[in-house]
Protein backbone atom coordinates (compact mmCIF):
# COMPACT_ATOMS: atom_id res chain seq x y z
CA MET A 1 -0.14 0.11 -0.28
CA THR A 2 1.48 3.63 -0.83
CA THR A 3 0.50 5.88 1.68
CA SER A 4 0.00 9.48 0.73
CA ARG A 5 0.70 13.08 2.79
CA LEU A 6 -3.00 12.93 3.75
CA MET A 7 -2.71 9.26 5.01
CA THR A 8 0.72 9.81 6.68
CA THR A 9 -0.90 13.08 8.30
CA LEU A 10 -3.93 10.51 9.14
CA ALA A 11 -1.58 7.98 10.79
CA GLY A 12 -0.12 10.28 12.95
CA ILE A 13 -3.34 11.99 14.30
CA ALA A 14 -4.70 8.65 14.94
CA VAL A 15 -1.10 7.53 16.77
CA VAL A 16 -1.58 10.55 19.37
CA PHE A 17 -5.32 10.08 19.51
CA GLY A 18 -5.16 6.89 20.61
CA ALA A 19 -2.30 7.50 23.21
CA LEU A 20 -4.60 10.27 24.58
CA THR A 21 -7.99 7.79 24.38
CA VAL A 22 -5.31 5.04 26.46
CA PHE A 23 -4.72 7.86 28.44
CA SER A 24 -8.62 9.40 29.61
CA GLY A 25 -10.08 5.78 29.55
CA TRP A 26 -6.91 4.77 32.38
CA GLN A 27 -8.03 7.79 34.27
CA GLY A 28 -11.99 6.60 33.75
CA LEU A 29 -11.53 3.07 34.62
CA PHE A 30 -8.62 3.05 37.33
CA GLY A 31 -8.24 6.71 38.50
CA ASP A 32 -9.37 8.04 41.92
CA ALA A 33 -12.55 8.48 42.91
CA ALA A 34 -12.89 12.18 42.60
CA THR A 35 -11.46 11.62 39.17
CA ARG A 36 -14.03 8.98 38.13
CA ALA A 37 -17.07 10.73 39.61
CA ALA A 38 -16.03 14.12 37.70
CA LEU A 39 -16.94 11.94 34.58
CA GLY A 40 -19.90 11.51 35.20
CA HIS A 41 -22.48 8.56 34.11
CA THR A 42 -20.02 6.59 32.44
CA VAL A 43 -21.11 3.45 30.03
CA GLY A 44 -19.25 0.67 31.63
CA TYR A 45 -19.11 -0.76 28.23
CA VAL A 46 -18.09 2.30 26.27
CA LEU A 47 -15.60 3.34 28.49
CA TRP A 48 -13.71 -0.38 28.03
CA PHE A 49 -14.09 -0.06 24.54
CA ASN A 50 -12.91 2.68 24.14
CA PHE A 51 -9.77 2.67 26.46
CA LEU A 52 -8.98 -0.94 24.77
CA ALA A 53 -9.82 0.55 21.07
CA GLY A 54 -7.11 3.13 22.33
CA PHE A 55 -4.25 0.38 21.78
CA ALA A 56 -5.49 -0.33 18.51
CA TYR A 57 -5.46 3.44 17.41
CA VAL A 58 -2.38 3.59 18.47
CA ALA A 59 -1.12 -0.23 16.45
CA ALA A 60 -3.15 1.23 13.03
CA GLY A 61 -1.64 4.44 13.34
CA TRP A 62 1.50 2.86 13.23
CA GLY A 63 0.62 0.44 10.60
CA LEU A 64 -1.17 3.22 8.13
CA TRP A 65 2.46 5.53 8.52
CA ARG A 66 4.48 2.49 7.27
CA GLY A 67 1.72 1.70 4.42
CA ALA A 68 1.50 -1.58 5.65
CA ARG A 69 -1.96 -3.49 4.39
CA TRP A 70 -3.33 -4.96 8.04
CA GLY A 71 -3.42 -1.31 9.31
CA LEU A 72 -6.06 -0.27 7.19
CA TRP A 73 -7.81 -3.30 7.58
CA LEU A 74 -7.38 -2.73 11.42
CA ALA A 75 -8.76 1.15 10.50
CA THR A 76 -12.13 -0.70 8.77
CA ALA A 77 -12.43 -2.96 12.09
CA LEU A 78 -11.99 -0.01 13.89
CA ALA A 79 -14.50 1.91 12.46
CA LEU A 80 -17.28 -1.17 12.08
CA GLY A 81 -16.45 -1.75 16.30
CA THR A 82 -16.74 2.00 16.94
CA ALA A 83 -19.82 1.86 15.05
CA LEU A 84 -21.18 -1.12 17.10
CA VAL A 85 -20.56 0.15 20.21
CA ALA A 86 -22.18 3.22 19.33
CA ALA A 87 -25.13 1.48 18.32
CA ALA A 88 -25.17 -0.22 21.47
CA PHE A 89 -24.84 2.92 23.31
CA GLY A 90 -28.20 3.82 21.23
CA VAL A 91 -30.49 1.69 22.47
CA HIS A 92 -29.01 2.39 25.98
CA VAL A 93 -29.84 6.11 25.46
CA LEU A 94 -33.33 5.06 24.26
CA GLY A 95 -33.62 2.88 26.95
CA GLY A 96 -33.69 4.98 29.42
CA GLY A 97 -30.32 4.46 30.86
CA ALA A 98 -28.20 7.44 32.24
CA PHE A 99 -25.14 9.16 30.20
CA GLU A 100 -23.64 11.99 29.84
CA MET A 101 -23.84 14.05 26.36
CA ARG A 102 -20.18 14.08 26.06
CA THR A 103 -20.15 10.32 25.07
CA VAL A 104 -22.48 11.00 22.31
CA GLY A 105 -19.77 13.72 21.01
CA ALA A 106 -17.03 11.57 21.08
CA LEU A 107 -18.28 8.41 19.56
CA ALA A 108 -19.22 10.78 16.34
CA LEU A 109 -15.65 11.53 16.56
CA ARG A 110 -14.38 8.57 17.01
CA LEU A 111 -16.65 6.79 14.61
CA GLY A 112 -16.28 9.96 12.28
CA PHE A 113 -12.46 10.14 11.78
CA TRP A 114 -12.05 5.91 11.43
CA VAL A 115 -14.51 6.05 8.33
CA VAL A 116 -12.88 8.74 6.95
CA VAL A 117 -9.30 6.79 7.87
CA ALA A 118 -10.83 4.14 6.41
CA ALA A 119 -12.27 5.72 3.42
CA VAL A 120 -8.97 7.77 2.45
CA GLY A 121 -6.83 4.39 2.80
CA TRP A 122 -9.01 2.08 0.91
CA ARG A 123 -9.32 4.88 -2.02
CA GLN A 124 -5.51 4.51 -2.50
CA PRO A 125 -3.86 2.62 -5.02
CA SER A 126 -1.89 -0.41 -3.91
């Protein structure tokens, strides 16, 4: 897979985004009581998915940076996985479950980013 300047930029963003995601997920899962309380109504499976996916963000970014085909497959899997978690979150919200509005924004940002990365990647010449 050849790597365009755009894909190289997206790959770099993915690595940074992943590191920040791991850090914030760590705080939400393993931080002190005050930190966790400040997050409000978190949805456990969304928090765990995002934390674990953060490691995959870093790996996908590295693979895409190198022009490895597996990086594109991982980016595509991240888009699909995030879409499934977002759908489950929507069911949770529609069922009256507690949530924070920032979770809606965060899922939209994550989904949008990985859809763009996958779309750009699949449109590049092999």
